């Protein structure tokens, strides 16, 4: 079994920080988004897809350096404020299966996230949505990860926190576990993931090893 971990909201508790930074930059550009708006509409999706949707909805182009503005502010926040998801390191170390990361974020953000939170040594293989034509909820990223890791889709288990990620895993023909322990997850998040197709949802990483072993 290959374990495929999303990064933001699964390995690192980054989404609250990221949603607020996105909203702040958009408001500076005269586009009235709240952090909750960003969380509801764009968590789990790539920057490319977020930009395309915002431009389409507002009928205007964002600045060419929009992504760079976001990342400049966000990476500085990560250096000082980013924390790992509680219990995730011990949970991963207790599992004997091969593993990788497949995230909608750009490679630089993934690398920074894993370094700052002390998780970088756990993952030799990291895949980004920048490597595929279509981001989540399309299955492309998870299928790439499986191919590169030499695993069949049916032998993969994805751990995801976003509806887009859940849908991507299902579209890839993979089993998946929904996770609701991130700081951005409200009381209804488990139901949101179930509506997206997740049949198993956990709130604590301490629960992950037993679930994985039961599915192995």
C-alpha atoms as a PDB file:
ATOM      1  CA  UNK A   1       0.000   0.000   0.000  1.00  0.00           C
ATOM      2  CA  UNK A   2       1.223   3.483  -0.916  1.00  0.00           C
ATOM      3  CA  UNK A   3       0.195   6.310   1.423  1.00  0.00           C
ATOM      4  CA  UNK A   4      -0.326   9.629  -0.369  1.00  0.00           C
ATOM      5  CA  UNK A   5      -0.520  12.632   1.938  1.00  0.00           C
ATOM      6  CA  UNK A   6      -1.844  16.029   1.024  1.00  0.00           C
ATOM      7  CA  UNK A   7       0.304  18.709   2.670  1.00  0.00           C
ATOM      8  CA  UNK A   8      -1.723  21.792   3.650  1.00  0.00           C
ATOM      9  CA  UNK A   9      -4.231  20.917   6.347  1.00  0.00           C
ATOM     10  CA  UNK A  10      -3.017  17.315   6.619  1.00  0.00           C
ATOM     11  CA  UNK A  11       0.700  17.491   7.419  1.00  0.00           C
ATOM     12  CA  UNK A  12       0.922  21.173   8.322  1.00  0.00           C
ATOM     13  CA  UNK A  13      -1.707  23.484   9.831  1.00  0.00           C
ATOM     14  CA  UNK A  14      -1.312  26.098   7.129  1.00  0.00           C
ATOM     15  CA  UNK A  15      -4.757  26.819   5.746  1.00  0.00           C
ATOM     16  CA  UNK A  16      -5.806  29.453   8.295  1.00  0.00           C
ATOM     17  CA  UNK A  17      -2.619  31.397   7.584  1.00  0.00           C
ATOM     18  CA  UNK A  18      -2.909  30.959   3.824  1.00  0.00           C
ATOM     19  CA  UNK A  19      -6.578  31.934   3.600  1.00  0.00           C
ATOM     20  CA  UNK A  20      -5.984  35.119   5.565  1.00  0.00           C
ATOM     21  CA  UNK A  21      -3.007  36.129   3.425  1.00  0.00           C
ATOM     22  CA  UNK A  22      -4.969  35.447   0.218  1.00  0.00           C
ATOM     23  CA  UNK A  23      -7.884  37.551   1.489  1.00  0.00           C
ATOM     24  CA  UNK A  24      -5.594  40.411   2.569  1.00  0.00           C
ATOM     25  CA  UNK A  25      -3.865  40.603  -0.815  1.00  0.00           C
ATOM     26  CA  UNK A  26      -7.162  40.412  -2.713  1.00  0.00           C
ATOM     27  CA  UNK A  27      -8.662  43.164  -0.567  1.00  0.00           C
ATOM     28  CA  UNK A  28      -5.634  45.341  -1.290  1.00  0.00           C
ATOM     29  CA  UNK A  29      -6.535  44.878  -4.969  1.00  0.00           C
ATOM     30  CA  UNK A  30     -10.123  45.962  -4.344  1.00  0.00           C
ATOM     31  CA  UNK A  31     -11.613  42.472  -4.373  1.00  0.00           C
ATOM     32  CA  UNK A  32     -13.647  41.889  -1.200  1.00  0.00           C
ATOM     33  CA  UNK A  33     -12.871  38.358  -0.029  1.00  0.00           C
ATOM     34  CA  UNK A  34     -12.794  37.140   3.559  1.00  0.00           C
ATOM     35  CA  UNK A  35     -10.610  34.309   4.826  1.00  0.00           C
ATOM     36  CA  UNK A  36     -13.790  32.231   5.132  1.00  0.00           C
ATOM     37  CA  UNK A  37     -14.590  32.929   1.471  1.00  0.00           C
ATOM     38  CA  UNK A  38     -11.155  31.685   0.459  1.00  0.00           C
ATOM     39  CA  UNK A  39     -11.469  28.576   2.635  1.00  0.00           C
ATOM     40  CA  UNK A  40     -14.868  27.710   1.229  1.00  0.00           C
ATOM     41  CA  UNK A  41     -14.011  28.270  -2.430  1.00  0.00           C
ATOM     42  CA  UNK A  42     -10.344  27.513  -2.902  1.00  0.00           C
ATOM     43  CA  UNK A  43      -8.853  25.239  -0.230  1.00  0.00           C
ATOM     44  CA  UNK A  44      -7.320  22.212  -1.919  1.00  0.00           C
ATOM     45  CA  UNK A  45      -7.054  23.863  -5.312  1.00  0.00           C
ATOM     46  CA  UNK A  46      -3.998  25.164  -7.107  1.00  0.00           C
ATOM     47  CA  UNK A  47      -3.013  28.823  -7.315  1.00  0.00           C
ATOM     48  CA  UNK A  48      -3.470  28.638 -11.095  1.00  0.00           C
ATOM     49  CA  UNK A  49      -7.068  27.478 -10.713  1.00  0.00           C
ATOM     50  CA  UNK A  50      -7.804  30.060  -8.010  1.00  0.00           C
ATOM     51  CA  UNK A  51      -6.514  32.897 -10.193  1.00  0.00           C
ATOM     52  CA  UNK A  52      -8.502  31.685 -13.200  1.00  0.00           C
ATOM     53  CA  UNK A  53     -11.738  31.521 -11.221  1.00  0.00           C
ATOM     54  CA  UNK A  54     -11.286  34.936  -9.590  1.00  0.00           C
ATOM     55  CA  UNK A  55     -10.497  36.563 -12.922  1.00  0.00           C
ATOM     56  CA  UNK A  56     -13.521  34.932 -14.553  1.00  0.00           C
ATOM     57  CA  UNK A  57     -15.892  35.893 -11.738  1.00  0.00           C
ATOM     58  CA  UNK A  58     -14.748  39.518 -11.594  1.00  0.00           C
ATOM     59  CA  UNK A  59     -14.080  40.087 -15.277  1.00  0.00           C
ATOM     60  CA  UNK A  60     -10.611  41.490 -14.687  1.00  0.00           C
ATOM     61  CA  UNK A  61      -7.066  40.238 -14.758  1.00  0.00           C
ATOM     62  CA  UNK A  62      -5.072  39.963 -11.568  1.00  0.00           C
ATOM     63  CA  UNK A  63      -1.572  41.476 -11.607  1.00  0.00           C
ATOM     64  CA  UNK A  64       1.112  39.368 -13.230  1.00  0.00           C
ATOM     65  CA  UNK A  65       2.921  39.174  -9.905  1.00  0.00           C
ATOM     66  CA  UNK A  66      -0.165  38.164  -7.884  1.00  0.00           C
ATOM     67  CA  UNK A  67       1.180  34.714  -6.976  1.00  0.00           C
ATOM     68  CA  UNK A  68       4.541  36.208  -6.046  1.00  0.00           C
ATOM     69  CA  UNK A  69       2.845  38.747  -3.754  1.00  0.00           C
ATOM     70  CA  UNK A  70       0.922  35.982  -2.028  1.00  0.00           C
ATOM     71  CA  UNK A  71       3.952  33.769  -1.591  1.00  0.00           C
ATOM     72  CA  UNK A  72       6.210  36.561  -0.361  1.00  0.00           C
ATOM     73  CA  UNK A  73       3.873  37.354   2.530  1.00  0.00           C
ATOM     74  CA  UNK A  74       2.860  33.760   3.182  1.00  0.00           C
ATOM     75  CA  UNK A  75       6.360  32.297   3.246  1.00  0.00           C
ATOM     76  CA  UNK A  76       7.411  34.888   5.824  1.00  0.00           C
ATOM     77  CA  UNK A  77       4.412  33.915   7.970  1.00  0.00           C
ATOM     78  CA  UNK A  78       5.276  30.238   7.620  1.00  0.00           C
ATOM     79  CA  UNK A  79       8.822  30.832   8.887  1.00  0.00           C
ATOM     80  CA  UNK A  80       7.478  32.218  12.167  1.00  0.00           C
ATOM     81  CA  UNK A  81       3.981  30.764  12.653  1.00  0.00           C
ATOM     82  CA  UNK A  82       3.548  27.461  10.823  1.00  0.00           C
ATOM     83  CA  UNK A  83       3.047  24.343  12.956  1.00  0.00           C
ATOM     84  CA  UNK A  84       2.686  20.665  12.077  1.00  0.00           C
ATOM     85  CA  UNK A  85      -0.661  18.971  12.522  1.00  0.00           C
ATOM     86  CA  UNK A  86      -0.705  17.573  16.057  1.00  0.00           C
ATOM     87  CA  UNK A  87       0.522  13.985  16.217  1.00  0.00           C
ATOM     88  CA  UNK A  88       1.299  13.666  12.524  1.00  0.00           C
ATOM     89  CA  UNK A  89       4.985  12.804  12.853  1.00  0.00           C
ATOM     90  CA  UNK A  90       4.428   9.952  15.296  1.00  0.00           C
ATOM     91  CA  UNK A  91       1.498   8.666  13.228  1.00  0.00           C
ATOM     92  CA  UNK A  92       3.603   8.530  10.071  1.00  0.00           C
ATOM     93  CA  UNK A  93       6.580   6.927  11.797  1.00  0.00           C
ATOM     94  CA  UNK A  94       4.361   4.168  13.161  1.00  0.00           C
ATOM     95  CA  UNK A  95       3.303   3.099   9.659  1.00  0.00           C
ATOM     96  CA  UNK A  96       5.593   0.801   7.638  1.00  0.00           C
ATOM     97  CA  UNK A  97       4.144   1.627   4.219  1.00  0.00           C
ATOM     98  CA  UNK A  98       5.880   3.663   1.498  1.00  0.00           C
ATOM     99  CA  UNK A  99       4.652   7.240   1.410  1.00  0.00           C
ATOM    100  CA  UNK A 100       4.765  10.481  -0.539  1.00  0.00           C
ATOM    101  CA  UNK A 101       3.255  13.967  -0.638  1.00  0.00           C
ATOM    102  CA  UNK A 102       0.908  15.145  -3.397  1.00  0.00           C
ATOM    103  CA  UNK A 103      -0.069  18.776  -2.908  1.00  0.00           C
ATOM    104  CA  UNK A 104      -1.769  21.539  -4.874  1.00  0.00           C
ATOM    105  CA  UNK A 105       0.893  23.974  -3.654  1.00  0.00           C
ATOM    106  CA  UNK A 106       4.010  24.977  -5.571  1.00  0.00           C
ATOM    107  CA  UNK A 107       7.190  23.000  -4.797  1.00  0.00           C
ATOM    108  CA  UNK A 108       8.791  25.901  -2.927  1.00  0.00           C
ATOM    109  CA  UNK A 109       5.846  26.171  -0.556  1.00  0.00           C
ATOM    110  CA  UNK A 110       5.749  22.426   0.077  1.00  0.00           C
ATOM    111  CA  UNK A 111       9.471  22.317   0.802  1.00  0.00           C
ATOM    112  CA  UNK A 112       9.257  25.296   3.150  1.00  0.00           C
ATOM    113  CA  UNK A 113       6.251  23.818   4.953  1.00  0.00           C
ATOM    114  CA  UNK A 114       7.980  20.502   5.573  1.00  0.00           C
ATOM    115  CA  UNK A 115      11.254  22.128   6.630  1.00  0.00           C
ATOM    116  CA  UNK A 116       9.745  24.593   9.088  1.00  0.00           C
ATOM    117  CA  UNK A 117       7.599  21.918  10.736  1.00  0.00           C
ATOM    118  CA  UNK A 118      10.384  19.330  10.981  1.00  0.00           C
ATOM    119  CA  UNK A 119       8.730  16.852   8.632  1.00  0.00           C
ATOM    120  CA  UNK A 120      11.058  17.083   5.636  1.00  0.00           C
ATOM    121  CA  UNK A 121      13.031  13.983   6.604  1.00  0.00           C
ATOM    122  CA  UNK A 122       9.882  11.850   6.376  1.00  0.00           C
ATOM    123  CA  UNK A 123       9.337  12.362   2.647  1.00  0.00           C
ATOM    124  CA  UNK A 124      11.807  11.645  -0.132  1.00  0.00           C
ATOM    125  CA  UNK A 125       9.111  11.935  -2.789  1.00  0.00           C
ATOM    126  CA  UNK A 126       7.028  15.102  -3.151  1.00  0.00           C
ATOM    127  CA  UNK A 127       4.681  15.894  -6.027  1.00  0.00           C
ATOM    128  CA  UNK A 128       3.116  19.263  -6.882  1.00  0.00           C
ATOM    129  CA  UNK A 129       0.132  20.276  -8.987  1.00  0.00           C
ATOM    130  CA  UNK A 130       2.588  22.283 -11.094  1.00  0.00           C
ATOM    131  CA  UNK A 131       3.640  18.923 -12.588  1.00  0.00           C
ATOM    132  CA  UNK A 132       0.239  18.124 -14.111  1.00  0.00           C
ATOM    133  CA  UNK A 133      -2.158  19.768 -16.529  1.00  0.00           C
ATOM    134  CA  UNK A 134      -5.163  19.671 -14.217  1.00  0.00           C
ATOM    135  CA  UNK A 135      -5.213  20.230 -10.476  1.00  0.00           C
ATOM    136  CA  UNK A 136      -7.577  18.708  -7.927  1.00  0.00           C
ATOM    137  CA  UNK A 137     -10.455  17.734  -8.171  1.00  0.00           C
ATOM    138  CA  UNK A 138      -9.038  16.135 -11.334  1.00  0.00           C
ATOM    139  CA  UNK A 139      -7.154  12.885 -10.588  1.00  0.00           C
ATOM    140  CA  UNK A 140      -3.986  13.849 -12.473  1.00  0.00           C
ATOM    141  CA  UNK A 141      -1.751  14.626  -9.476  1.00  0.00           C
ATOM    142  CA  UNK A 142      -2.584  11.460  -7.571  1.00  0.00           C
ATOM    143  CA  UNK A 143      -2.163   9.344 -10.691  1.00  0.00           C
ATOM    144  CA  UNK A 144       1.247  10.927 -11.285  1.00  0.00           C
ATOM    145  CA  UNK A 145       2.285  10.163  -7.712  1.00  0.00           C
ATOM    146  CA  UNK A 146       1.195   6.541  -8.060  1.00  0.00           C
ATOM    147  CA  UNK A 147       2.980   6.135 -11.381  1.00  0.00           C
ATOM    148  CA  UNK A 148       6.209   7.654 -10.116  1.00  0.00           C
ATOM    149  CA  UNK A 149       6.075   5.536  -6.960  1.00  0.00           C
ATOM    150  CA  UNK A 150       5.355   2.343  -8.908  1.00  0.00           C
ATOM    151  CA  UNK A 151       1.955   1.712  -7.324  1.00  0.00           C
ATOM    152  CA  UNK A 152      -1.399   0.811  -8.836  1.00  0.00           C
ATOM    153  CA  UNK A 153      -4.188   3.287  -8.058  1.00  0.00           C
ATOM    154  CA  UNK A 154      -6.186   0.611  -6.230  1.00  0.00           C
ATOM    155  CA  UNK A 155      -3.188   0.045  -3.950  1.00  0.00           C
ATOM    156  CA  UNK A 156      -3.014   3.709  -2.880  1.00  0.00           C
ATOM    157  CA  UNK A 157      -4.539   5.327   0.195  1.00  0.00           C
ATOM    158  CA  UNK A 158      -4.910   9.118   0.138  1.00  0.00           C
ATOM    159  CA  UNK A 159      -5.197  11.318   3.245  1.00  0.00           C
ATOM    160  CA  UNK A 160      -6.998  14.549   2.362  1.00  0.00           C
ATOM    161  CA  UNK A 161      -8.704  17.480   4.075  1.00  0.00           C
ATOM    162  CA  UNK A 162     -10.470  19.204   1.179  1.00  0.00           C
ATOM    163  CA  UNK A 163     -13.511  18.299  -0.920  1.00  0.00           C
ATOM    164  CA  UNK A 164     -11.428  18.817  -4.064  1.00  0.00           C
ATOM    165  CA  UNK A 165      -8.836  16.373  -2.767  1.00  0.00           C
ATOM    166  CA  UNK A 166     -11.479  13.812  -1.853  1.00  0.00           C
ATOM    167  CA  UNK A 167     -12.973  14.051  -5.327  1.00  0.00           C
ATOM    168  CA  UNK A 168      -9.533  13.751  -6.924  1.00  0.00           C
ATOM    169  CA  UNK A 169      -8.710  10.599  -4.983  1.00  0.00           C
ATOM    170  CA  UNK A 170     -12.022   8.981  -5.892  1.00  0.00           C
ATOM    171  CA  UNK A 171     -11.609   9.960  -9.544  1.00  0.00           C
ATOM    172  CA  UNK A 172      -8.156   8.341  -9.470  1.00  0.00           C
ATOM    173  CA  UNK A 173      -9.677   5.064  -8.274  1.00  0.00           C
ATOM    174  CA  UNK A 174      -7.948   5.274  -4.910  1.00  0.00           C
ATOM    175  CA  UNK A 175      -9.160   4.696  -1.389  1.00  0.00           C
ATOM    176  CA  UNK A 176      -9.008   7.715   0.861  1.00  0.00           C
ATOM    177  CA  UNK A 177      -9.338   8.981   4.421  1.00  0.00           C
ATOM    178  CA  UNK A 178     -10.793  12.417   5.111  1.00  0.00           C
ATOM    179  CA  UNK A 179      -9.098  14.507   7.813  1.00  0.00           C
ATOM    180  CA  UNK A 180     -10.755  17.307   9.785  1.00  0.00           C
ATOM    181  CA  UNK A 181      -8.090  18.229  12.350  1.00  0.00           C
ATOM    182  CA  UNK A 182      -6.773  21.380  10.668  1.00  0.00           C
ATOM    183  CA  UNK A 183      -7.401  24.788  12.174  1.00  0.00           C
ATOM    184  CA  UNK A 184      -9.540  25.766   9.175  1.00  0.00           C
ATOM    185  CA  UNK A 185     -12.008  22.917   9.672  1.00  0.00           C
ATOM    186  CA  UNK A 186     -15.326  23.954  11.166  1.00  0.00           C
ATOM    187  CA  UNK A 187     -17.815  21.675  12.947  1.00  0.00           C
ATOM    188  CA  UNK A 188     -19.474  20.754   9.653  1.00  0.00           C
ATOM    189  CA  UNK A 189     -16.274  19.846   7.807  1.00  0.00           C
ATOM    190  CA  UNK A 190     -16.676  16.101   8.263  1.00  0.00           C
ATOM    191  CA  UNK A 191     -20.070  16.285   6.602  1.00  0.00           C
ATOM    192  CA  UNK A 192     -18.603  18.381   3.777  1.00  0.00           C
ATOM    193  CA  UNK A 193     -16.001  15.671   3.137  1.00  0.00           C
ATOM    194  CA  UNK A 194     -18.624  12.936   3.304  1.00  0.00           C
ATOM    195  CA  UNK A 195     -20.747  14.778   0.771  1.00  0.00           C
ATOM    196  CA  UNK A 196     -17.678  14.914  -1.481  1.00  0.00           C
ATOM    197  CA  UNK A 197     -17.434  11.140  -1.244  1.00  0.00           C
ATOM    198  CA  UNK A 198     -15.325  10.335   1.823  1.00  0.00           C
ATOM    199  CA  UNK A 199     -16.569   7.217   3.609  1.00  0.00           C
ATOM    200  CA  UNK A 200     -13.930   7.387   6.371  1.00  0.00           C
ATOM    201  CA  UNK A 201     -13.245  10.663   8.197  1.00  0.00           C
ATOM    202  CA  UNK A 202     -10.947  11.185  11.194  1.00  0.00           C
ATOM    203  CA  UNK A 203     -10.345  14.236  13.370  1.00  0.00           C
ATOM    204  CA  UNK A 204      -7.070  13.234  15.066  1.00  0.00           C
ATOM    205  CA  UNK A 205      -3.852  11.947  13.538  1.00  0.00           C
ATOM    206  CA  UNK A 206      -3.542   9.555  16.475  1.00  0.00           C
ATOM    207  CA  UNK A 207      -6.419   7.649  14.854  1.00  0.00           C
ATOM    208  CA  UNK A 208      -4.643   7.266  11.513  1.00  0.00           C
ATOM    209  CA  UNK A 209      -2.406   4.227  12.193  1.00  0.00           C
ATOM    210  CA  UNK A 210      -5.257   1.965  13.280  1.00  0.00           C
ATOM    211  CA  UNK A 211      -7.393   2.962  10.291  1.00  0.00           C
ATOM    212  CA  UNK A 212      -4.543   2.422   7.849  1.00  0.00           C
ATOM    213  CA  UNK A 213      -3.694  -0.957   9.291  1.00  0.00           C
ATOM    214  CA  UNK A 214      -7.345  -1.999   9.086  1.00  0.00           C
ATOM    215  CA  UNK A 215      -7.372  -1.084   5.396  1.00  0.00           C
ATOM    216  CA  UNK A 216      -4.011  -2.653   4.564  1.00  0.00           C
END
